[in-house]
Protein backbone atom coordinates (compact mmCIF):
# COMPACT_ATOMS: atom_id res chain seq x y z
CA MET A 1 18.64 -26.66 14.10
CA LYS A 2 16.91 -28.97 11.76
CA LEU A 3 14.32 -29.95 14.44
CA ILE A 4 14.04 -26.06 15.15
CA LEU A 5 13.26 -25.90 11.48
CA ILE A 6 10.59 -28.31 11.01
CA ILE A 7 8.87 -26.68 13.69
CA ALA A 8 9.09 -23.36 11.80
CA ALA A 9 7.90 -24.92 8.88
CA TYR A 10 4.86 -26.77 10.66
CA LEU A 11 4.20 -22.91 11.93
CA LEU A 12 4.28 -21.68 8.90
CA GLY A 13 2.14 -23.85 7.47
CA SER A 14 -0.05 -23.51 10.41
CA CYS A 15 -1.38 -20.19 9.61
CA SER A 16 -4.61 -20.56 8.59
CA TRP A 17 -4.87 -17.59 6.39
CA SER A 18 -8.53 -17.97 5.21
CA VAL A 19 -9.61 -18.23 8.94
CA TRP A 20 -7.97 -15.67 9.81
CA ILE A 21 -8.65 -13.08 6.76
CA GLY A 22 -12.42 -14.14 7.45
CA LYS A 23 -12.49 -13.32 11.23
CA TRP A 24 -10.88 -10.15 10.74
CA PHE A 25 -12.27 -8.45 7.88
CA TYR A 26 -15.73 -10.22 7.50
CA GLY A 27 -16.30 -11.18 10.64
CA ILE A 28 -17.35 -14.81 9.97
CA ASP A 29 -15.25 -18.12 10.28
CA VAL A 30 -15.33 -19.79 6.72
CA ARG A 31 -14.79 -23.20 8.49
CA ASP A 32 -18.79 -22.50 9.31
CA TYR A 33 -20.10 -22.22 5.48
CA GLY A 34 -19.73 -23.83 1.91
CA SER A 35 -17.05 -26.94 2.14
CA GLY A 36 -16.09 -26.08 5.60
CA ASN A 37 -12.59 -26.31 4.38
CA ALA A 38 -9.68 -23.35 5.50
CA GLY A 39 -8.60 -23.08 2.13
CA ALA A 40 -8.37 -20.87 -0.88
CA THR A 41 -11.38 -22.29 -2.78
CA ASN A 42 -13.97 -21.94 -0.17
CA THR A 43 -12.60 -18.55 0.81
CA MET A 44 -13.51 -17.73 -3.08
CA ARG A 45 -17.01 -19.56 -2.57
CA VAL A 46 -17.82 -17.79 0.65
CA LEU A 47 -15.76 -14.11 0.83
CA GLY A 48 -15.71 -13.72 -2.94
CA THR A 49 -13.32 -13.94 -5.74
CA MET A 50 -10.39 -11.64 -4.57
CA PRO A 51 -10.13 -12.62 -0.59
CA GLY A 52 -9.94 -16.11 -2.13
CA LEU A 53 -7.45 -15.46 -4.55
CA PHE A 54 -5.25 -13.41 -1.85
CA VAL A 55 -5.50 -16.42 0.30
CA LEU A 56 -4.43 -18.39 -2.56
CA ILE A 57 -0.99 -16.58 -2.80
CA LEU A 58 -0.47 -16.39 1.28
CA ASP A 59 -0.83 -20.00 1.19
CA ALA A 60 1.34 -20.62 -1.89
CA LEU A 61 4.16 -18.31 -0.15
CA LYS A 62 3.91 -19.95 3.11
CA GLY A 63 5.00 -23.64 1.24
CA PHE A 64 7.44 -21.48 -0.65
CA ALA A 65 8.70 -19.91 2.41
CA ALA A 66 9.31 -23.28 4.11
CA VAL A 67 11.15 -24.96 1.33
CA LYS A 68 13.74 -21.93 1.55
CA LEU A 69 14.22 -22.67 5.43
CA VAL A 70 16.86 -24.76 4.35
CA TYR A 71 18.82 -21.62 3.42
CA LEU A 72 19.03 -20.56 7.02
CA SER A 73 21.48 -23.78 7.49
CA PRO A 74 24.68 -23.86 5.37
CA GLN A 75 24.47 -27.70 5.82
CA TYR A 76 20.83 -28.39 4.51
CA ALA A 77 21.42 -25.50 1.61
CA ASP A 78 20.18 -27.14 -2.25
CA ASP A 79 19.60 -30.55 0.24
CA ILE A 80 16.49 -32.25 -2.12
CA GLU A 81 15.57 -34.39 0.63
CA THR A 82 15.11 -31.33 3.37
CA MET A 83 13.29 -29.40 0.91
CA VAL A 84 10.83 -31.97 0.32
CA LEU A 85 10.78 -32.42 4.42
CA PHE A 86 10.19 -29.42 5.20
CA GLY A 87 7.70 -28.24 2.14
CA ILE A 88 5.44 -31.74 3.39
CA VAL A 89 5.69 -30.35 6.99
CA SER A 90 4.17 -27.21 6.22
CA VAL A 91 1.40 -28.95 4.06
CA VAL A 92 0.68 -30.51 7.20
CA GLY A 93 0.40 -27.25 8.99
CA HIS A 94 -1.98 -26.31 6.70
CA ILE A 95 -3.95 -29.33 6.95
CA PHE A 96 -3.86 -29.68 11.09
CA PRO A 97 -3.10 -25.99 11.86
CA VAL A 98 -2.35 -25.57 15.49
CA PHE A 99 -3.63 -21.83 15.54
CA ASN A 100 -6.56 -22.74 14.75
CA GLY A 101 -8.21 -26.39 16.71
CA PHE A 102 -6.07 -28.56 13.62
CA LYS A 103 -8.83 -27.91 11.21
CA GLY A 104 -7.97 -26.57 8.01
CA GLY A 105 -8.01 -27.24 4.34
CA LYS A 106 -6.31 -29.41 1.78
CA GLY A 107 -3.35 -28.00 1.49
CA ILE A 108 -3.41 -27.45 -2.55
CA ALA A 109 -1.96 -23.79 -2.38
CA THR A 110 0.45 -24.74 -0.15
CA LEU A 111 1.89 -28.02 -1.97
CA LEU A 112 2.02 -25.65 -5.12
CA GLY A 113 4.09 -22.96 -3.18
CA MET A 114 6.33 -26.17 -2.06
CA ILE A 115 6.96 -27.37 -5.78
CA ILE A 116 7.23 -23.93 -6.78
CA ALA A 117 10.20 -23.70 -4.66
CA ILE A 118 11.56 -27.20 -5.44
CA HIS A 119 10.97 -27.45 -9.06
CA ALA A 120 9.62 -24.29 -10.82
CA GLY A 121 9.51 -25.65 -14.57
CA ALA A 122 7.44 -28.85 -13.19
CA ALA A 123 5.17 -26.90 -11.08
CA LEU A 124 4.69 -24.19 -13.84
CA MET A 125 3.28 -26.88 -16.31
CA ALA A 126 1.07 -28.25 -13.48
CA MET A 127 -0.38 -25.09 -12.93
CA ALA A 128 -0.94 -24.82 -16.38
CA THR A 129 -2.65 -28.15 -16.57
CA PHE A 130 -4.71 -26.88 -13.50
CA MET A 131 -5.84 -23.65 -15.43
CA PHE A 132 -6.56 -25.62 -18.60
CA PHE A 133 -9.24 -27.97 -16.82
CA PHE A 134 -10.13 -25.18 -14.54
CA LEU A 135 -11.46 -23.19 -17.28
CA THR A 136 -13.06 -26.14 -19.00
CA PHE A 137 -14.71 -27.86 -16.37
CA ARG A 138 -14.72 -25.01 -13.32
CA ILE A 139 -14.36 -27.55 -10.66
CA VAL A 140 -11.41 -26.55 -8.77
CA SER A 141 -11.15 -30.33 -7.20
CA LEU A 142 -11.28 -31.87 -10.32
CA SER A 143 -8.48 -29.54 -11.75
CA SER A 144 -6.51 -30.04 -8.61
CA MET A 145 -6.36 -33.30 -8.73
CA LEU A 146 -5.69 -33.67 -12.87
CA ALA A 147 -2.92 -31.24 -12.06
CA ALA A 148 -1.56 -33.49 -9.56
CA PHE A 149 -1.37 -36.17 -11.65
CA SER A 150 0.36 -34.11 -13.88
CA PHE A 151 3.38 -33.15 -11.75
CA PRO A 152 5.05 -36.36 -12.04
CA ILE A 153 4.60 -36.75 -15.93
CA TRP A 154 5.96 -33.62 -16.25
CA LEU A 155 8.88 -33.70 -13.69
CA ILE A 156 10.11 -37.41 -15.46
CA PHE A 157 9.21 -36.91 -18.95
CA ARG A 158 9.86 -33.08 -20.00
CA TYR A 159 12.64 -32.19 -17.42
CA GLN A 160 13.71 -36.03 -17.06
CA GLU A 161 14.51 -35.63 -13.48
CA ASN A 162 17.40 -37.87 -11.58
CA SER A 163 16.73 -36.79 -8.31
CA THR A 164 15.05 -40.26 -7.11
CA ILE A 165 13.73 -38.12 -3.83
CA LEU A 166 11.82 -35.88 -5.87
CA VAL A 167 10.47 -38.44 -8.04
CA ILE A 168 9.44 -40.38 -5.37
CA PHE A 169 7.60 -37.04 -3.59
CA SER A 170 5.90 -36.69 -6.81
CA PHE A 171 4.04 -40.03 -6.69
CA ALA A 172 3.65 -39.10 -2.86
CA LEU A 173 1.69 -35.85 -4.07
CA VAL A 174 -0.60 -37.63 -6.25
CA PHE A 175 -1.85 -39.92 -3.51
CA LEU A 176 -2.31 -37.48 -0.82
CA VAL A 177 -4.08 -35.17 -2.96
CA LEU A 178 -6.45 -37.95 -3.80
CA VAL A 179 -6.69 -38.95 -0.19
CA THR A 180 -7.64 -34.99 1.09
CA HIS A 181 -9.76 -35.20 -1.81
CA GLN A 182 -12.29 -38.14 -0.79
CA GLN A 183 -15.54 -36.64 -0.73
CA ASN A 184 -14.70 -34.22 -3.55
CA ILE A 185 -14.48 -37.62 -5.70
CA GLU A 186 -17.41 -39.18 -4.25
CA ARG A 187 -19.47 -35.84 -5.39
CA LEU A 188 -17.82 -36.01 -8.92
CA LEU A 189 -19.00 -39.78 -9.58
CA GLN A 190 -22.43 -38.52 -8.22
CA GLY A 191 -22.44 -35.54 -10.22
CA LYS A 192 -23.30 -33.51 -7.33
CA GLU A 193 -19.65 -31.07 -7.08
CA GLN A 194 -20.19 -27.25 -7.42
CA LYS A 195 -18.74 -25.23 -10.06
CA VAL A 196 -17.01 -22.37 -9.29
CA ARG A 197 -18.66 -18.99 -9.72
CA ILE A 198 -16.53 -15.91 -10.25
CA ARG A 199 -18.34 -13.17 -7.54
CA LYS A 200 -17.01 -9.96 -6.68
CA ASP A 201 -17.91 -10.10 -2.83
CA ARG A 202 -19.42 -12.32 -0.25
CA ASP A 203 -23.50 -12.90 -0.53
CA ASP A 204 -25.30 -11.24 2.02
CA ASP A 205 -26.87 -14.49 3.23
CA VAL A 206 -24.00 -16.73 4.02
């Protein structure tokens, strides 16, 4: 049963909503434009604000749903280790989606949905951290990394989490975000990272 649920979590993560929405409603593959990533930020950059927000919600929901798969098997219900496993598998699915040639996004929105499902309080504090830095700098990558850095801090010092597995995961999350944002870090150091422009719809010349 656990193997079946792991596969289900991966397949949930592999649902590349940015690619599908771009193709179904706009006739383009968002991976051919902007940063080339299949995620909410690039969707916003290429298609506009509303499609980007829609993708953000859907990508977060698949991480949330993957964690909640534990309740399909009574023996795993409320088991933190299994919840973390299913969530990580869904993020891997987002980064390497089987449905779209294993070329996905960075998994930030899916990670968000995952941590909301596991620890809503610390997740909401991390979201607040993201919004603070995003509204200040308008740079999604920088805001995402700082929000990831804040997650273990909120978890340990604000909520005094005593689950060793969850604390270890929170630091692993920081490492994962750094790994998936290497190019963004290079652009930030060079002063070349793009700021987000709030747009209503897609430019004609994408």
